[in-house]
Amino acid sequence: MRVSYIAGIIFFFILFIVGMIYASHSTWMMILGIFGLIGTAYFITRIVSDILREMRRRNTEEDR
């Protein structure tokens, strides 16, 4: 797991939180919150994909 993935999750999650807290004040903040949620989901998907890829790689090495 890369450090950039963790940094990305933290950054986008903070965007999500700030956007949702201030969503009642401005439409742009709601959009910012949605953008933060999408970014967080993207980085979580990347982490899970890397973990699954590594598991598959280890399983194929054991079969040889």
PDB file of N, CA and C in Angstrom:
ATOM      1  N   MET A   1       0.851  -1.165   0.000  1.00  0.00           N
ATOM      2  CA  MET A   1       0.000   0.000   0.000  1.00  0.00           C
ATOM      3  C   MET A   1       0.903   1.236   0.000  1.00  0.00           C
ATOM      4  N   ARG A   2       0.601   2.127  -0.880  1.00  0.00           N
ATOM      5  CA  ARG A   2       1.423   3.316  -1.028  1.00  0.00           C
ATOM      6  C   ARG A   2       0.995   4.420  -0.079  1.00  0.00           C
ATOM      7  N   VAL A   3       1.959   5.245   0.284  1.00  0.00           N
ATOM      8  CA  VAL A   3       1.695   6.374   1.170  1.00  0.00           C
ATOM      9  C   VAL A   3       0.793   7.388   0.473  1.00  0.00           C
ATOM     10  N   SER A   4       0.935   7.502  -0.852  1.00  0.00           N
ATOM     11  CA  SER A   4       0.104   8.459  -1.586  1.00  0.00           C
ATOM     12  C   SER A   4      -1.375   8.083  -1.522  1.00  0.00           C
ATOM     13  N   TYR A   5      -1.678   6.800  -1.429  1.00  0.00           N
ATOM     14  CA  TYR A   5      -3.073   6.377  -1.296  1.00  0.00           C
ATOM     15  C   TYR A   5      -3.654   6.852   0.035  1.00  0.00           C
ATOM     16  N   ILE A   6      -2.877   6.695   1.091  1.00  0.00           N
ATOM     17  CA  ILE A   6      -3.336   7.127   2.410  1.00  0.00           C
ATOM     18  C   ILE A   6      -3.513   8.643   2.433  1.00  0.00           C
ATOM     19  N   ALA A   7      -2.554   9.359   1.855  1.00  0.00           N
ATOM     20  CA  ALA A   7      -2.647  10.820   1.798  1.00  0.00           C
ATOM     21  C   ALA A   7      -3.869  11.247   0.988  1.00  0.00           C
ATOM     22  N   GLY A   8      -4.142  10.551  -0.104  1.00  0.00           N
ATOM     23  CA  GLY A   8      -5.306  10.855  -0.930  1.00  0.00           C
ATOM     24  C   GLY A   8      -6.613  10.622  -0.188  1.00  0.00           C
ATOM     25  N   ILE A   9      -6.679   9.517   0.534  1.00  0.00           N
ATOM     26  CA  ILE A   9      -7.894   9.227   1.303  1.00  0.00           C
ATOM     27  C   ILE A   9      -8.123  10.304   2.359  1.00  0.00           C
ATOM     28  N   ILE A  10      -7.071  10.665   3.069  1.00  0.00           N
ATOM     29  CA  ILE A  10      -7.212  11.688   4.114  1.00  0.00           C
ATOM     30  C   ILE A  10      -7.649  13.015   3.508  1.00  0.00           C
ATOM     31  N   PHE A  11      -7.001  13.430   2.418  1.00  0.00           N
ATOM     32  CA  PHE A  11      -7.330  14.702   1.780  1.00  0.00           C
ATOM     33  C   PHE A  11      -8.787  14.734   1.309  1.00  0.00           C
ATOM     34  N   PHE A  12      -9.197  13.700   0.572  1.00  0.00           N
ATOM     35  CA  PHE A  12     -10.551  13.688   0.034  1.00  0.00           C
ATOM     36  C   PHE A  12     -11.603  13.497   1.123  1.00  0.00           C
ATOM     37  N   PHE A  13     -11.263  12.766   2.170  1.00  0.00           N
ATOM     38  CA  PHE A  13     -12.221  12.605   3.261  1.00  0.00           C
ATOM     39  C   PHE A  13     -12.430  13.932   3.992  1.00  0.00           C
ATOM     40  N   ILE A  14     -11.355  14.693   4.163  1.00  0.00           N
ATOM     41  CA  ILE A  14     -11.497  16.026   4.762  1.00  0.00           C
ATOM     42  C   ILE A  14     -12.351  16.914   3.869  1.00  0.00           C
ATOM     43  N   LEU A  15     -12.144  16.845   2.547  1.00  0.00           N
ATOM     44  CA  LEU A  15     -13.003  17.603   1.628  1.00  0.00           C
ATOM     45  C   LEU A  15     -14.466  17.201   1.793  1.00  0.00           C
ATOM     46  N   PHE A  16     -14.701  15.903   1.924  1.00  0.00           N
ATOM     47  CA  PHE A  16     -16.062  15.407   2.107  1.00  0.00           C
ATOM     48  C   PHE A  16     -16.676  15.958   3.390  1.00  0.00           C
ATOM     49  N   ILE A  17     -15.930  15.886   4.482  1.00  0.00           N
ATOM     50  CA  ILE A  17     -16.454  16.353   5.764  1.00  0.00           C
ATOM     51  C   ILE A  17     -16.762  17.847   5.720  1.00  0.00           C
ATOM     52  N   VAL A  18     -15.809  18.635   5.222  1.00  0.00           N
ATOM     53  CA  VAL A  18     -16.018  20.088   5.156  1.00  0.00           C
ATOM     54  C   VAL A  18     -17.194  20.415   4.237  1.00  0.00           C
ATOM     55  N   GLY A  19     -17.261  19.730   3.116  1.00  0.00           N
ATOM     56  CA  GLY A  19     -18.364  19.971   2.190  1.00  0.00           C
ATOM     57  C   GLY A  19     -19.717  19.655   2.778  1.00  0.00           C
ATOM     58  N   MET A  20     -19.814  18.580   3.525  1.00  0.00           N
ATOM     59  CA  MET A  20     -21.093  18.210   4.105  1.00  0.00           C
ATOM     60  C   MET A  20     -21.470  19.091   5.304  1.00  0.00           C
ATOM     61  N   ILE A  21     -20.480  19.543   6.046  1.00  0.00           N
ATOM     62  CA  ILE A  21     -20.781  20.426   7.176  1.00  0.00           C
ATOM     63  C   ILE A  21     -21.367  21.745   6.683  1.00  0.00           C
ATOM     64  N   TYR A  22     -20.787  22.296   5.612  1.00  0.00           N
ATOM     65  CA  TYR A  22     -21.213  23.602   5.119  1.00  0.00           C
ATOM     66  C   TYR A  22     -22.121  23.519   3.892  1.00  0.00           C
ATOM     67  N   ALA A  23     -22.693  22.370   3.627  1.00  0.00           N
ATOM     68  CA  ALA A  23     -23.553  22.194   2.449  1.00  0.00           C
ATOM     69  C   ALA A  23     -24.811  23.045   2.521  1.00  0.00           C
ATOM     70  N   SER A  24     -25.269  23.333   3.714  1.00  0.00           N
ATOM     71  CA  SER A  24     -26.478  24.152   3.832  1.00  0.00           C
ATOM     72  C   SER A  24     -26.215  25.625   3.516  1.00  0.00           C
ATOM     73  N   HIS A  25     -24.958  26.027   3.506  1.00  0.00           N
ATOM     74  CA  HIS A  25     -24.610  27.420   3.236  1.00  0.00           C
ATOM     75  C   HIS A  25     -24.433  27.712   1.755  1.00  0.00           C
ATOM     76  N   SER A  26     -23.966  26.726   1.005  1.00  0.00           N
ATOM     77  CA  SER A  26     -23.647  26.979  -0.395  1.00  0.00           C
ATOM     78  C   SER A  26     -23.755  25.688  -1.206  1.00  0.00           C
ATOM     79  N   THR A  27     -24.192  25.842  -2.429  1.00  0.00           N
ATOM     80  CA  THR A  27     -24.259  24.693  -3.335  1.00  0.00           C
ATOM     81  C   THR A  27     -22.863  24.186  -3.673  1.00  0.00           C
ATOM     82  N   TRP A  28     -21.909  25.103  -3.751  1.00  0.00           N
ATOM     83  CA  TRP A  28     -20.537  24.708  -4.068  1.00  0.00           C
ATOM     84  C   TRP A  28     -19.957  23.796  -3.001  1.00  0.00           C
ATOM     85  N   MET A  29     -20.334  24.026  -1.765  1.00  0.00           N
ATOM     86  CA  MET A  29     -19.834  23.163  -0.700  1.00  0.00           C
ATOM     87  C   MET A  29     -20.423  21.752  -0.804  1.00  0.00           C
ATOM     88  N   MET A  30     -21.650  21.648  -1.261  1.00  0.00           N
ATOM     89  CA  MET A  30     -22.245  20.336  -1.485  1.00  0.00           C
ATOM     90  C   MET A  30     -21.502  19.614  -2.608  1.00  0.00           C
ATOM     91  N   ILE A  31     -21.184  20.344  -3.660  1.00  0.00           N
ATOM     92  CA  ILE A  31     -20.425  19.768  -4.773  1.00  0.00           C
ATOM     93  C   ILE A  31     -19.047  19.343  -4.295  1.00  0.00           C
ATOM     94  N   LEU A  32     -18.425  20.153  -3.447  1.00  0.00           N
ATOM     95  CA  LEU A  32     -17.125  19.811  -2.878  1.00  0.00           C
ATOM     96  C   LEU A  32     -17.218  18.524  -2.049  1.00  0.00           C
ATOM     97  N   GLY A  33     -18.291  18.384  -1.285  1.00  0.00           N
ATOM     98  CA  GLY A  33     -18.492  17.174  -0.497  1.00  0.00           C
ATOM     99  C   GLY A  33     -18.674  15.938  -1.365  1.00  0.00           C
ATOM    100  N   ILE A  34     -19.406  16.075  -2.440  1.00  0.00           N
ATOM    101  CA  ILE A  34     -19.593  14.957  -3.369  1.00  0.00           C
ATOM    102  C   ILE A  34     -18.273  14.585  -4.026  1.00  0.00           C
ATOM    103  N   PHE A  35     -17.508  15.606  -4.410  1.00  0.00           N
ATOM    104  CA  PHE A  35     -16.195  15.379  -4.996  1.00  0.00           C
ATOM    105  C   PHE A  35     -15.280  14.653  -4.000  1.00  0.00           C
ATOM    106  N   GLY A  36     -15.348  15.051  -2.735  1.00  0.00           N
ATOM    107  CA  GLY A  36     -14.561  14.383  -1.707  1.00  0.00           C
ATOM    108  C   GLY A  36     -14.961  12.939  -1.512  1.00  0.00           C
ATOM    109  N   LEU A  37     -16.253  12.659  -1.571  1.00  0.00           N
ATOM    110  CA  LEU A  37     -16.733  11.282  -1.436  1.00  0.00           C
ATOM    111  C   LEU A  37     -16.268  10.423  -2.605  1.00  0.00           C
ATOM    112  N   ILE A  38     -16.345  10.964  -3.797  1.00  0.00           N
ATOM    113  CA  ILE A  38     -15.892  10.227  -4.984  1.00  0.00           C
ATOM    114  C   ILE A  38     -14.394   9.956  -4.907  1.00  0.00           C
ATOM    115  N   GLY A  39     -13.621  10.954  -4.485  1.00  0.00           N
ATOM    116  CA  GLY A  39     -12.174  10.766  -4.359  1.00  0.00           C
ATOM    117  C   GLY A  39     -11.823   9.722  -3.313  1.00  0.00           C
ATOM    118  N   THR A  40     -12.530   9.744  -2.194  1.00  0.00           N
ATOM    119  CA  THR A  40     -12.292   8.750  -1.148  1.00  0.00           C
ATOM    120  C   THR A  40     -12.600   7.349  -1.655  1.00  0.00           C
ATOM    121  N   ALA A  41     -13.704   7.198  -2.347  1.00  0.00           N
ATOM    122  CA  ALA A  41     -14.073   5.886  -2.893  1.00  0.00           C
ATOM    123  C   ALA A  41     -13.045   5.415  -3.925  1.00  0.00           C
ATOM    124  N   TYR A  42     -12.530   6.347  -4.721  1.00  0.00           N
ATOM    125  CA  TYR A  42     -11.520   5.997  -5.727  1.00  0.00           C
ATOM    126  C   TYR A  42     -10.266   5.427  -5.061  1.00  0.00           C
ATOM    127  N   PHE A  43      -9.771   6.098  -4.032  1.00  0.00           N
ATOM    128  CA  PHE A  43      -8.548   5.627  -3.397  1.00  0.00           C
ATOM    129  C   PHE A  43      -8.765   4.334  -2.625  1.00  0.00           C
ATOM    130  N   ILE A  44      -9.928   4.146  -2.030  1.00  0.00           N
ATOM    131  CA  ILE A  44     -10.223   2.876  -1.362  1.00  0.00           C
ATOM    132  C   ILE A  44     -10.265   1.744  -2.383  1.00  0.00           C
ATOM    133  N   THR A  45     -10.857   2.017  -3.540  1.00  0.00           N
ATOM    134  CA  THR A  45     -10.894   1.019  -4.611  1.00  0.00           C
ATOM    135  C   THR A  45      -9.488   0.662  -5.066  1.00  0.00           C
ATOM    136  N   ARG A  46      -8.618   1.647  -5.188  1.00  0.00           N
ATOM    137  CA  ARG A  46      -7.228   1.388  -5.579  1.00  0.00           C
ATOM    138  C   ARG A  46      -6.518   0.511  -4.553  1.00  0.00           C
ATOM    139  N   ILE A  47      -6.717   0.795  -3.278  1.00  0.00           N
ATOM    140  CA  ILE A  47      -6.072   0.004  -2.226  1.00  0.00           C
ATOM    141  C   ILE A  47      -6.566  -1.436  -2.263  1.00  0.00           C
ATOM    142  N   VAL A  48      -7.871  -1.638  -2.371  1.00  0.00           N
ATOM    143  CA  VAL A  48      -8.426  -2.994  -2.412  1.00  0.00           C
ATOM    144  C   VAL A  48      -7.948  -3.729  -3.664  1.00  0.00           C
ATOM    145  N   SER A  49      -7.883  -3.046  -4.785  1.00  0.00           N
ATOM    146  CA  SER A  49      -7.393  -3.672  -6.017  1.00  0.00           C
ATOM    147  C   SER A  49      -5.943  -4.109  -5.875  1.00  0.00           C
ATOM    148  N   ASP A  50      -5.114  -3.272  -5.265  1.00  0.00           N
ATOM    149  CA  ASP A  50      -3.712  -3.643  -5.056  1.00  0.00           C
ATOM    150  C   ASP A  50      -3.580  -4.837  -4.122  1.00  0.00           C
ATOM    151  N   ILE A  51      -4.400  -4.875  -3.077  1.00  0.00           N
ATOM    152  CA  ILE A  51      -4.356  -6.002  -2.141  1.00  0.00           C
ATOM    153  C   ILE A  51      -4.772  -7.289  -2.853  1.00  0.00           C
ATOM    154  N   LEU A  52      -5.847  -7.231  -3.626  1.00  0.00           N
ATOM    155  CA  LEU A  52      -6.288  -8.424  -4.351  1.00  0.00           C
ATOM    156  C   LEU A  52      -5.267  -8.875  -5.390  1.00  0.00           C
ATOM    157  N   ARG A  53      -4.644  -7.923  -6.076  1.00  0.00           N
ATOM    158  CA  ARG A  53      -3.616  -8.248  -7.062  1.00  0.00           C
ATOM    159  C   ARG A  53      -2.430  -8.935  -6.388  1.00  0.00           C
ATOM    160  N   GLU A  54      -2.028  -8.445  -5.229  1.00  0.00           N
ATOM    161  CA  GLU A  54      -0.927  -9.049  -4.491  1.00  0.00           C
ATOM    162  C   GLU A  54      -1.300 -10.449  -4.001  1.00  0.00           C
ATOM    163  N   MET A  55      -2.538 -10.640  -3.565  1.00  0.00           N
ATOM    164  CA  MET A  55      -2.980 -11.969  -3.126  1.00  0.00           C
ATOM    165  C   MET A  55      -2.958 -12.952  -4.286  1.00  0.00           C
ATOM    166  N   ARG A  56      -3.437 -12.509  -5.463  1.00  0.00           N
ATOM    167  CA  ARG A  56      -3.408 -13.381  -6.639  1.00  0.00           C
ATOM    168  C   ARG A  56      -1.977 -13.735  -7.030  1.00  0.00           C
ATOM    169  N   ARG A  57      -1.083 -12.748  -6.954  1.00  0.00           N
ATOM    170  CA  ARG A  57       0.307 -12.984  -7.316  1.00  0.00           C
ATOM    171  C   ARG A  57       0.935 -14.002  -6.372  1.00  0.00           C
ATOM    172  N   ARG A  58       0.672 -13.887  -5.079  1.00  0.00           N
ATOM    173  CA  ARG A  58       1.220 -14.839  -4.115  1.00  0.00           C
ATOM    174  C   ARG A  58       0.642 -16.228  -4.302  1.00  0.00           C
ATOM    175  N   ASN A  59      -0.642 -16.315  -4.649  1.00  0.00           N
ATOM    176  CA  ASN A  59      -1.259 -17.624  -4.860  1.00  0.00           C
ATOM    177  C   ASN A  59      -0.685 -18.305  -6.095  1.00  0.00           C
ATOM    178  N   THR A  60      -0.402 -17.549  -7.128  1.00  0.00           N
ATOM    179  CA  THR A  60       0.171 -18.178  -8.330  1.00  0.00           C
ATOM    180  C   THR A  60       1.607 -18.597  -8.102  1.00  0.00           C
ATOM    181  N   GLU A  61       2.341 -17.894  -7.236  1.00  0.00           N
ATOM    182  CA  GLU A  61       3.708 -18.304  -6.905  1.00  0.00           C
ATOM    183  C   GLU A  61       3.711 -19.594  -6.108  1.00  0.00           C
ATOM    184  N   GLU A  62       2.728 -19.798  -5.247  1.00  0.00           N
ATOM    185  CA  GLU A  62       2.641 -21.010  -4.439  1.00  0.00           C
ATOM    186  C   GLU A  62       2.298 -22.218  -5.297  1.00  0.00           C
ATOM    187  N   ASP A  63       1.549 -22.012  -6.375  1.00  0.00           N
ATOM    188  CA  ASP A  63       1.138 -23.127  -7.225  1.00  0.00           C
ATOM    189  C   ASP A  63       2.296 -23.670  -8.047  1.00  0.00           C
ATOM    190  N   ARG A  64       3.326 -22.920  -8.232  1.00  0.00           N
ATOM    191  CA  ARG A  64       4.442 -23.361  -9.093  1.00  0.00           C
ATOM    192  C   ARG A  64       5.311 -24.369  -8.437  1.00  0.00           C
TER     193      ARG A  64
END
